[in-house]
Amino acid sequence: MVYPRDPQGVQLHAIQGILVYCFLCVPVLAVTDPEIADAIYKAEGESKTKHPYGIMKTYKKTTPRKVCLNTIAHAHRDWSGQGDFIEFLGSRYCPPSAHPLNKNWVGNVHKFLKEKNNGTSNRTNKRV
């Protein structure tokens, strides 16, 4: 059987097979920005804190959640895609050098993400 070829001579059938394998056989664990924001809200003390989502500044035209979501989106643009996104985000959002308790932030956010995703931890945090 002869399969159609693309302009560079790669058999389309082989590409289709690879795509099917990727979509069906490779588990993709992903979290959304709102799920990350929910985990940050919990890690920062939920309603018991004066600073929801860990946002220290008060804004007139937006909410702490929106500031958190904007920060997550900005970090996604700057992230190389290598390593753990939550660790990358934590280095900006809650740097360990700023306060001794900040060293727990990454672990706590992962813990709450894991709870949200029925025990599945996502250490690469691919964006959906």
Protein backbone atom coordinates (compact mmCIF):
# COMPACT_ATOMS: atom_id res chain seq x y z
CA MET A 1 0.00 0.00 0.00
CA VAL A 2 1.32 3.45 -0.89
CA TYR A 3 0.61 6.29 1.50
CA PRO A 4 0.44 9.94 0.49
CA ARG A 5 3.55 11.92 1.33
CA ASP A 6 3.93 15.45 2.55
CA PRO A 7 6.14 17.87 0.56
CA GLN A 8 9.25 16.78 2.47
CA GLY A 9 8.74 13.09 1.83
CA VAL A 10 7.65 11.98 5.31
CA GLN A 11 4.91 9.41 5.19
CA LEU A 12 1.72 10.83 6.66
CA HIS A 13 0.75 7.41 7.95
CA ALA A 14 3.75 7.36 10.28
CA ILE A 15 2.91 10.82 11.60
CA GLN A 16 -0.69 9.79 12.19
CA GLY A 17 0.49 6.75 14.12
CA ILE A 18 2.71 8.87 16.33
CA LEU A 19 -0.12 11.31 17.02
CA VAL A 20 -2.53 8.52 17.92
CA TYR A 21 0.08 7.05 20.28
CA CYS A 22 0.66 10.44 21.94
CA PHE A 23 -3.04 11.09 22.49
CA LEU A 24 -3.99 7.59 23.62
CA CYS A 25 -0.96 6.14 25.35
CA VAL A 26 0.95 9.00 26.93
CA PRO A 27 -0.77 10.31 30.04
CA VAL A 28 -0.96 14.08 30.08
CA LEU A 29 -1.48 15.52 33.50
CA ALA A 30 -2.41 19.14 33.30
CA VAL A 31 -3.77 21.77 35.59
CA THR A 32 -5.55 24.96 34.72
CA ASP A 33 -4.63 28.41 35.94
CA PRO A 34 -7.81 28.59 38.07
CA GLU A 35 -6.85 25.26 39.72
CA ILE A 36 -3.41 26.67 40.51
CA ALA A 37 -5.06 29.83 41.91
CA ASP A 38 -7.35 27.69 44.09
CA ALA A 39 -4.33 25.81 45.45
CA ILE A 40 -2.52 29.10 46.13
CA TYR A 41 -5.60 30.42 47.95
CA LYS A 42 -5.50 27.38 50.26
CA ALA A 43 -1.73 27.56 50.72
CA GLU A 44 -2.00 31.23 51.66
CA GLY A 45 -4.58 30.63 54.40
CA GLU A 46 -7.93 30.82 52.62
CA SER A 47 -10.43 33.17 54.31
CA LYS A 48 -8.41 33.21 57.56
CA THR A 49 -5.79 35.57 56.20
CA LYS A 50 -5.69 39.33 55.69
CA HIS A 51 -4.01 38.72 52.33
CA PRO A 52 -6.06 36.32 50.17
CA TYR A 53 -3.94 34.53 47.57
CA GLY A 54 -0.91 36.03 49.32
CA ILE A 55 -1.51 39.36 47.56
CA MET A 56 -0.12 42.02 49.87
CA LYS A 57 -1.18 45.07 47.87
CA THR A 58 -4.76 46.40 47.70
CA TYR A 59 -6.05 47.23 44.24
CA LYS A 60 -9.01 49.50 43.48
CA LYS A 61 -10.08 47.92 40.19
CA THR A 62 -9.38 44.23 40.60
CA THR A 63 -9.53 41.36 43.07
CA PRO A 64 -6.73 39.37 44.70
CA ARG A 65 -7.84 36.32 42.69
CA LYS A 66 -7.52 38.22 39.41
CA VAL A 67 -4.06 39.48 40.42
CA CYS A 68 -3.11 35.88 41.23
CA LEU A 69 -4.42 34.63 37.87
CA ASN A 70 -2.56 37.42 36.05
CA THR A 71 0.65 36.47 37.87
CA ILE A 72 0.20 32.81 36.93
CA ALA A 73 -0.42 33.72 33.28
CA HIS A 74 2.64 35.98 33.22
CA ALA A 75 4.78 33.24 34.76
CA HIS A 76 3.56 30.79 32.09
CA ARG A 77 4.75 33.22 29.39
CA ASP A 78 8.19 33.46 31.03
CA TRP A 79 8.58 29.76 31.92
CA SER A 80 10.83 27.76 29.60
CA GLY A 81 8.65 24.66 29.92
CA GLN A 82 11.47 22.80 31.63
CA GLY A 83 11.16 21.50 35.17
CA ASP A 84 8.35 22.14 37.59
CA PHE A 85 6.17 25.16 36.85
CA ILE A 86 5.03 25.50 40.48
CA GLU A 87 8.67 25.74 41.60
CA PHE A 88 9.26 28.39 38.93
CA LEU A 89 6.14 30.28 40.00
CA GLY A 90 7.07 29.99 43.68
CA SER A 91 10.48 31.52 43.07
CA ARG A 92 8.65 34.69 41.97
CA TYR A 93 5.36 34.55 43.82
CA CYS A 94 6.65 33.46 47.20
CA PRO A 95 10.46 33.47 47.20
CA PRO A 96 11.96 31.48 50.10
CA SER A 97 14.41 34.31 50.76
CA ALA A 98 11.53 36.70 51.61
CA HIS A 99 10.27 34.78 54.66
CA PRO A 100 11.22 31.52 56.42
CA LEU A 101 7.73 30.02 55.92
CA ASN A 102 7.93 30.53 52.16
CA LYS A 103 10.06 27.39 51.91
CA ASN A 104 6.81 25.42 52.40
CA TRP A 105 4.88 27.19 49.64
CA VAL A 106 5.76 24.93 46.68
CA GLY A 107 5.05 21.76 48.65
CA ASN A 108 1.76 23.14 49.95
CA VAL A 109 0.57 24.23 46.51
CA HIS A 110 1.46 20.78 45.12
CA LYS A 111 -0.40 19.16 48.02
CA PHE A 112 -3.58 21.12 47.28
CA LEU A 113 -3.29 20.48 43.55
CA LYS A 114 -2.92 16.79 44.28
CA GLU A 115 -6.04 16.84 46.48
CA LYS A 116 -7.95 18.66 43.74
CA ASN A 117 -6.90 16.10 41.11
CA ASN A 118 -7.88 13.00 43.09
CA GLY A 119 -4.42 12.13 44.30
CA THR A 120 -2.63 12.71 41.02
CA SER A 121 0.31 15.05 41.42
CA ASN A 122 1.48 16.93 38.37
CA ARG A 123 5.13 17.83 38.73
CA THR A 124 5.47 19.22 35.22
CA ASN A 125 2.33 21.37 35.31
CA LYS A 126 1.63 21.55 31.62
CA ARG A 127 -0.85 24.30 30.90
CA VAL A 128 -4.31 23.50 29.55
